[in-house]
Protein backbone atom coordinates (compact mmCIF):
# COMPACT_ATOMS: atom_id res chain seq x y z
CA MET A 1 17.61 -7.20 8.15
CA GLU A 2 20.96 -9.38 10.69
CA ILE A 3 20.05 -12.62 11.80
CA ARG A 4 22.77 -13.68 14.42
CA ASN A 5 23.29 -18.20 15.01
CA PRO A 6 26.78 -19.23 16.18
CA GLN A 7 28.23 -20.00 12.56
CA GLY A 8 28.53 -15.95 12.08
CA LYS A 9 25.63 -13.65 11.07
CA ILE A 10 23.09 -13.35 7.71
CA VAL A 11 22.50 -10.45 6.50
CA ILE A 12 19.23 -9.58 4.31
CA SER A 13 18.43 -6.22 2.34
CA ASN A 14 14.93 -5.19 2.41
CA HIS A 15 15.39 -5.05 -1.80
CA ALA A 16 16.05 -9.05 -1.20
CA ILE A 17 12.70 -9.31 0.61
CA ALA A 18 10.71 -6.88 -1.74
CA SER A 19 11.96 -9.34 -4.69
CA ILE A 20 10.02 -12.29 -3.31
CA ALA A 21 6.68 -10.29 -2.76
CA SER A 22 7.11 -8.76 -5.96
CA ARG A 23 7.34 -12.09 -7.94
CA THR A 24 4.39 -13.40 -6.12
CA VAL A 25 2.19 -10.65 -6.76
CA THR A 26 2.47 -10.62 -9.84
CA GLU A 27 2.30 -14.28 -10.28
CA ALA A 28 -1.37 -14.51 -8.33
CA TYR A 29 -4.64 -14.36 -10.35
CA GLY A 30 -6.01 -11.64 -10.36
CA VAL A 31 -3.37 -9.15 -10.87
CA VAL A 32 -2.74 -6.79 -13.60
CA GLY A 33 0.99 -5.54 -12.11
CA MET A 34 2.65 -3.93 -9.78
CA ALA A 35 1.37 -0.07 -8.91
CA SER A 36 4.11 3.22 -8.63
CA ARG A 37 2.92 4.24 -3.96
CA HIS A 38 1.50 7.56 -5.46
CA LEU A 39 -1.08 8.09 -7.50
CA ARG A 40 -0.66 10.45 -10.69
CA ASP A 41 -3.79 12.52 -11.57
CA GLY A 42 -5.93 10.09 -9.63
CA LEU A 43 -4.66 7.10 -12.17
CA ALA A 44 -2.30 4.32 -11.21
CA GLU A 45 0.23 3.42 -13.20
CA VAL A 46 1.15 0.24 -13.32
CA LEU A 47 5.41 -0.26 -13.00
CA HIS A 48 7.73 -2.30 -15.93
CA ARG A 49 8.88 -5.69 -14.85
CA ASP A 50 12.46 -3.56 -14.03
CA VAL A 51 11.21 -1.12 -11.44
CA ARG A 52 8.01 -3.26 -9.98
CA ASN A 53 10.12 -3.07 -6.36
CA LYS A 54 9.31 -0.13 -6.44
CA GLY A 55 5.56 -1.02 -5.57
CA VAL A 56 6.73 -3.20 -2.70
CA ASP A 57 7.76 -1.24 1.18
CA VAL A 58 9.08 -3.42 3.08
CA ARG A 59 9.74 -2.57 6.95
CA VAL A 60 12.23 -4.30 9.42
CA SER A 61 11.60 -4.00 13.36
CA ALA A 62 11.70 -6.09 16.41
CA GLY A 63 12.77 -9.12 13.76
CA LYS A 64 9.35 -9.14 12.29
CA ILE A 65 8.84 -8.19 8.69
CA THR A 66 5.68 -5.65 7.66
CA ILE A 67 4.76 -5.42 3.51
CA GLU A 68 3.05 -2.63 2.25
CA LEU A 69 1.96 -3.72 -1.89
CA TYR A 70 0.91 -1.51 -4.30
CA VAL A 71 -1.19 -3.56 -7.16
CA VAL A 72 -3.42 -3.46 -9.87
CA VAL A 73 -6.09 -5.65 -10.35
CA GLU A 74 -8.17 -7.30 -12.83
CA TYR A 75 -11.88 -5.58 -13.33
CA GLY A 76 -14.20 -8.06 -12.53
CA THR A 77 -12.16 -9.96 -10.25
CA ARG A 78 -13.53 -9.73 -6.47
CA ILE A 79 -11.03 -7.73 -5.13
CA SER A 80 -11.42 -8.61 -1.38
CA GLU A 81 -10.67 -12.23 -2.67
CA VAL A 82 -7.60 -11.34 -5.03
CA ALA A 83 -6.32 -9.37 -1.89
CA ARG A 84 -6.42 -12.21 0.48
CA ASN A 85 -4.75 -14.22 -1.75
CA ILE A 86 -1.85 -11.98 -2.46
CA ALA A 87 -1.24 -11.19 1.48
CA GLY A 88 -1.38 -15.33 1.66
CA ASN A 89 0.89 -16.35 -0.59
CA VAL A 90 3.32 -13.52 -0.24
CA LYS A 91 3.69 -13.95 3.57
CA PHE A 92 4.23 -17.73 2.94
CA ALA A 93 6.95 -16.86 0.30
CA VAL A 94 8.73 -14.33 2.44
CA GLU A 95 8.91 -16.78 5.47
CA ARG A 96 9.93 -19.85 3.44
CA ALA A 97 12.78 -17.74 2.09
CA VAL A 98 13.76 -15.53 4.59
CA GLY A 99 12.74 -17.97 7.94
CA VAL A 100 11.85 -14.96 9.75
CA PRO A 101 8.20 -14.28 10.61
CA VAL A 102 6.50 -11.93 8.26
CA GLU A 103 3.60 -9.56 10.66
CA GLN A 104 2.27 -8.08 8.30
CA VAL A 105 1.17 -7.71 4.51
CA ASN A 106 -0.97 -5.04 3.64
CA VAL A 107 -2.01 -4.96 0.10
CA ASN A 108 -3.17 -1.43 -1.42
CA VAL A 109 -5.43 -1.73 -4.48
CA GLN A 110 -4.74 1.40 -6.48
CA GLY A 111 -6.52 0.56 -9.95
CA LEU A 112 -7.98 -1.48 -11.56
CA ARG A 113 -7.99 -2.33 -15.72
CA VAL A 114 -9.65 -4.39 -18.04
CA SER A 115 -7.49 -6.55 -19.83
CA ASP A 116 -6.90 -6.24 -23.33
CA VAL A 117 -9.28 -9.03 -25.21
CA THR A 118 -8.82 -10.29 -28.63
């Protein structure tokens, strides 16, 4: 993504936008972690912290950002509410950090996990 102004230009990589989005997602209530885009044997795999950006797909078109998120949600939470909160939080965080409108945030729930209760 490239932003031009009288002083010059600013280039923001999709990877930087994905980092903002993934950090925001992992801080949301009800989220266990980021998931791979592809299900393996019908099971969602929670990504490790160092590769969690792989659970985010960023597309920039006509100066607007579209973000696809792949998440694993805590069993027992209301999935629709968790997804709505994720979408709103990511939209706000990216727009605030980048200064460019986010057209869409699509949340794909790849699986549910039960937390270890000890």
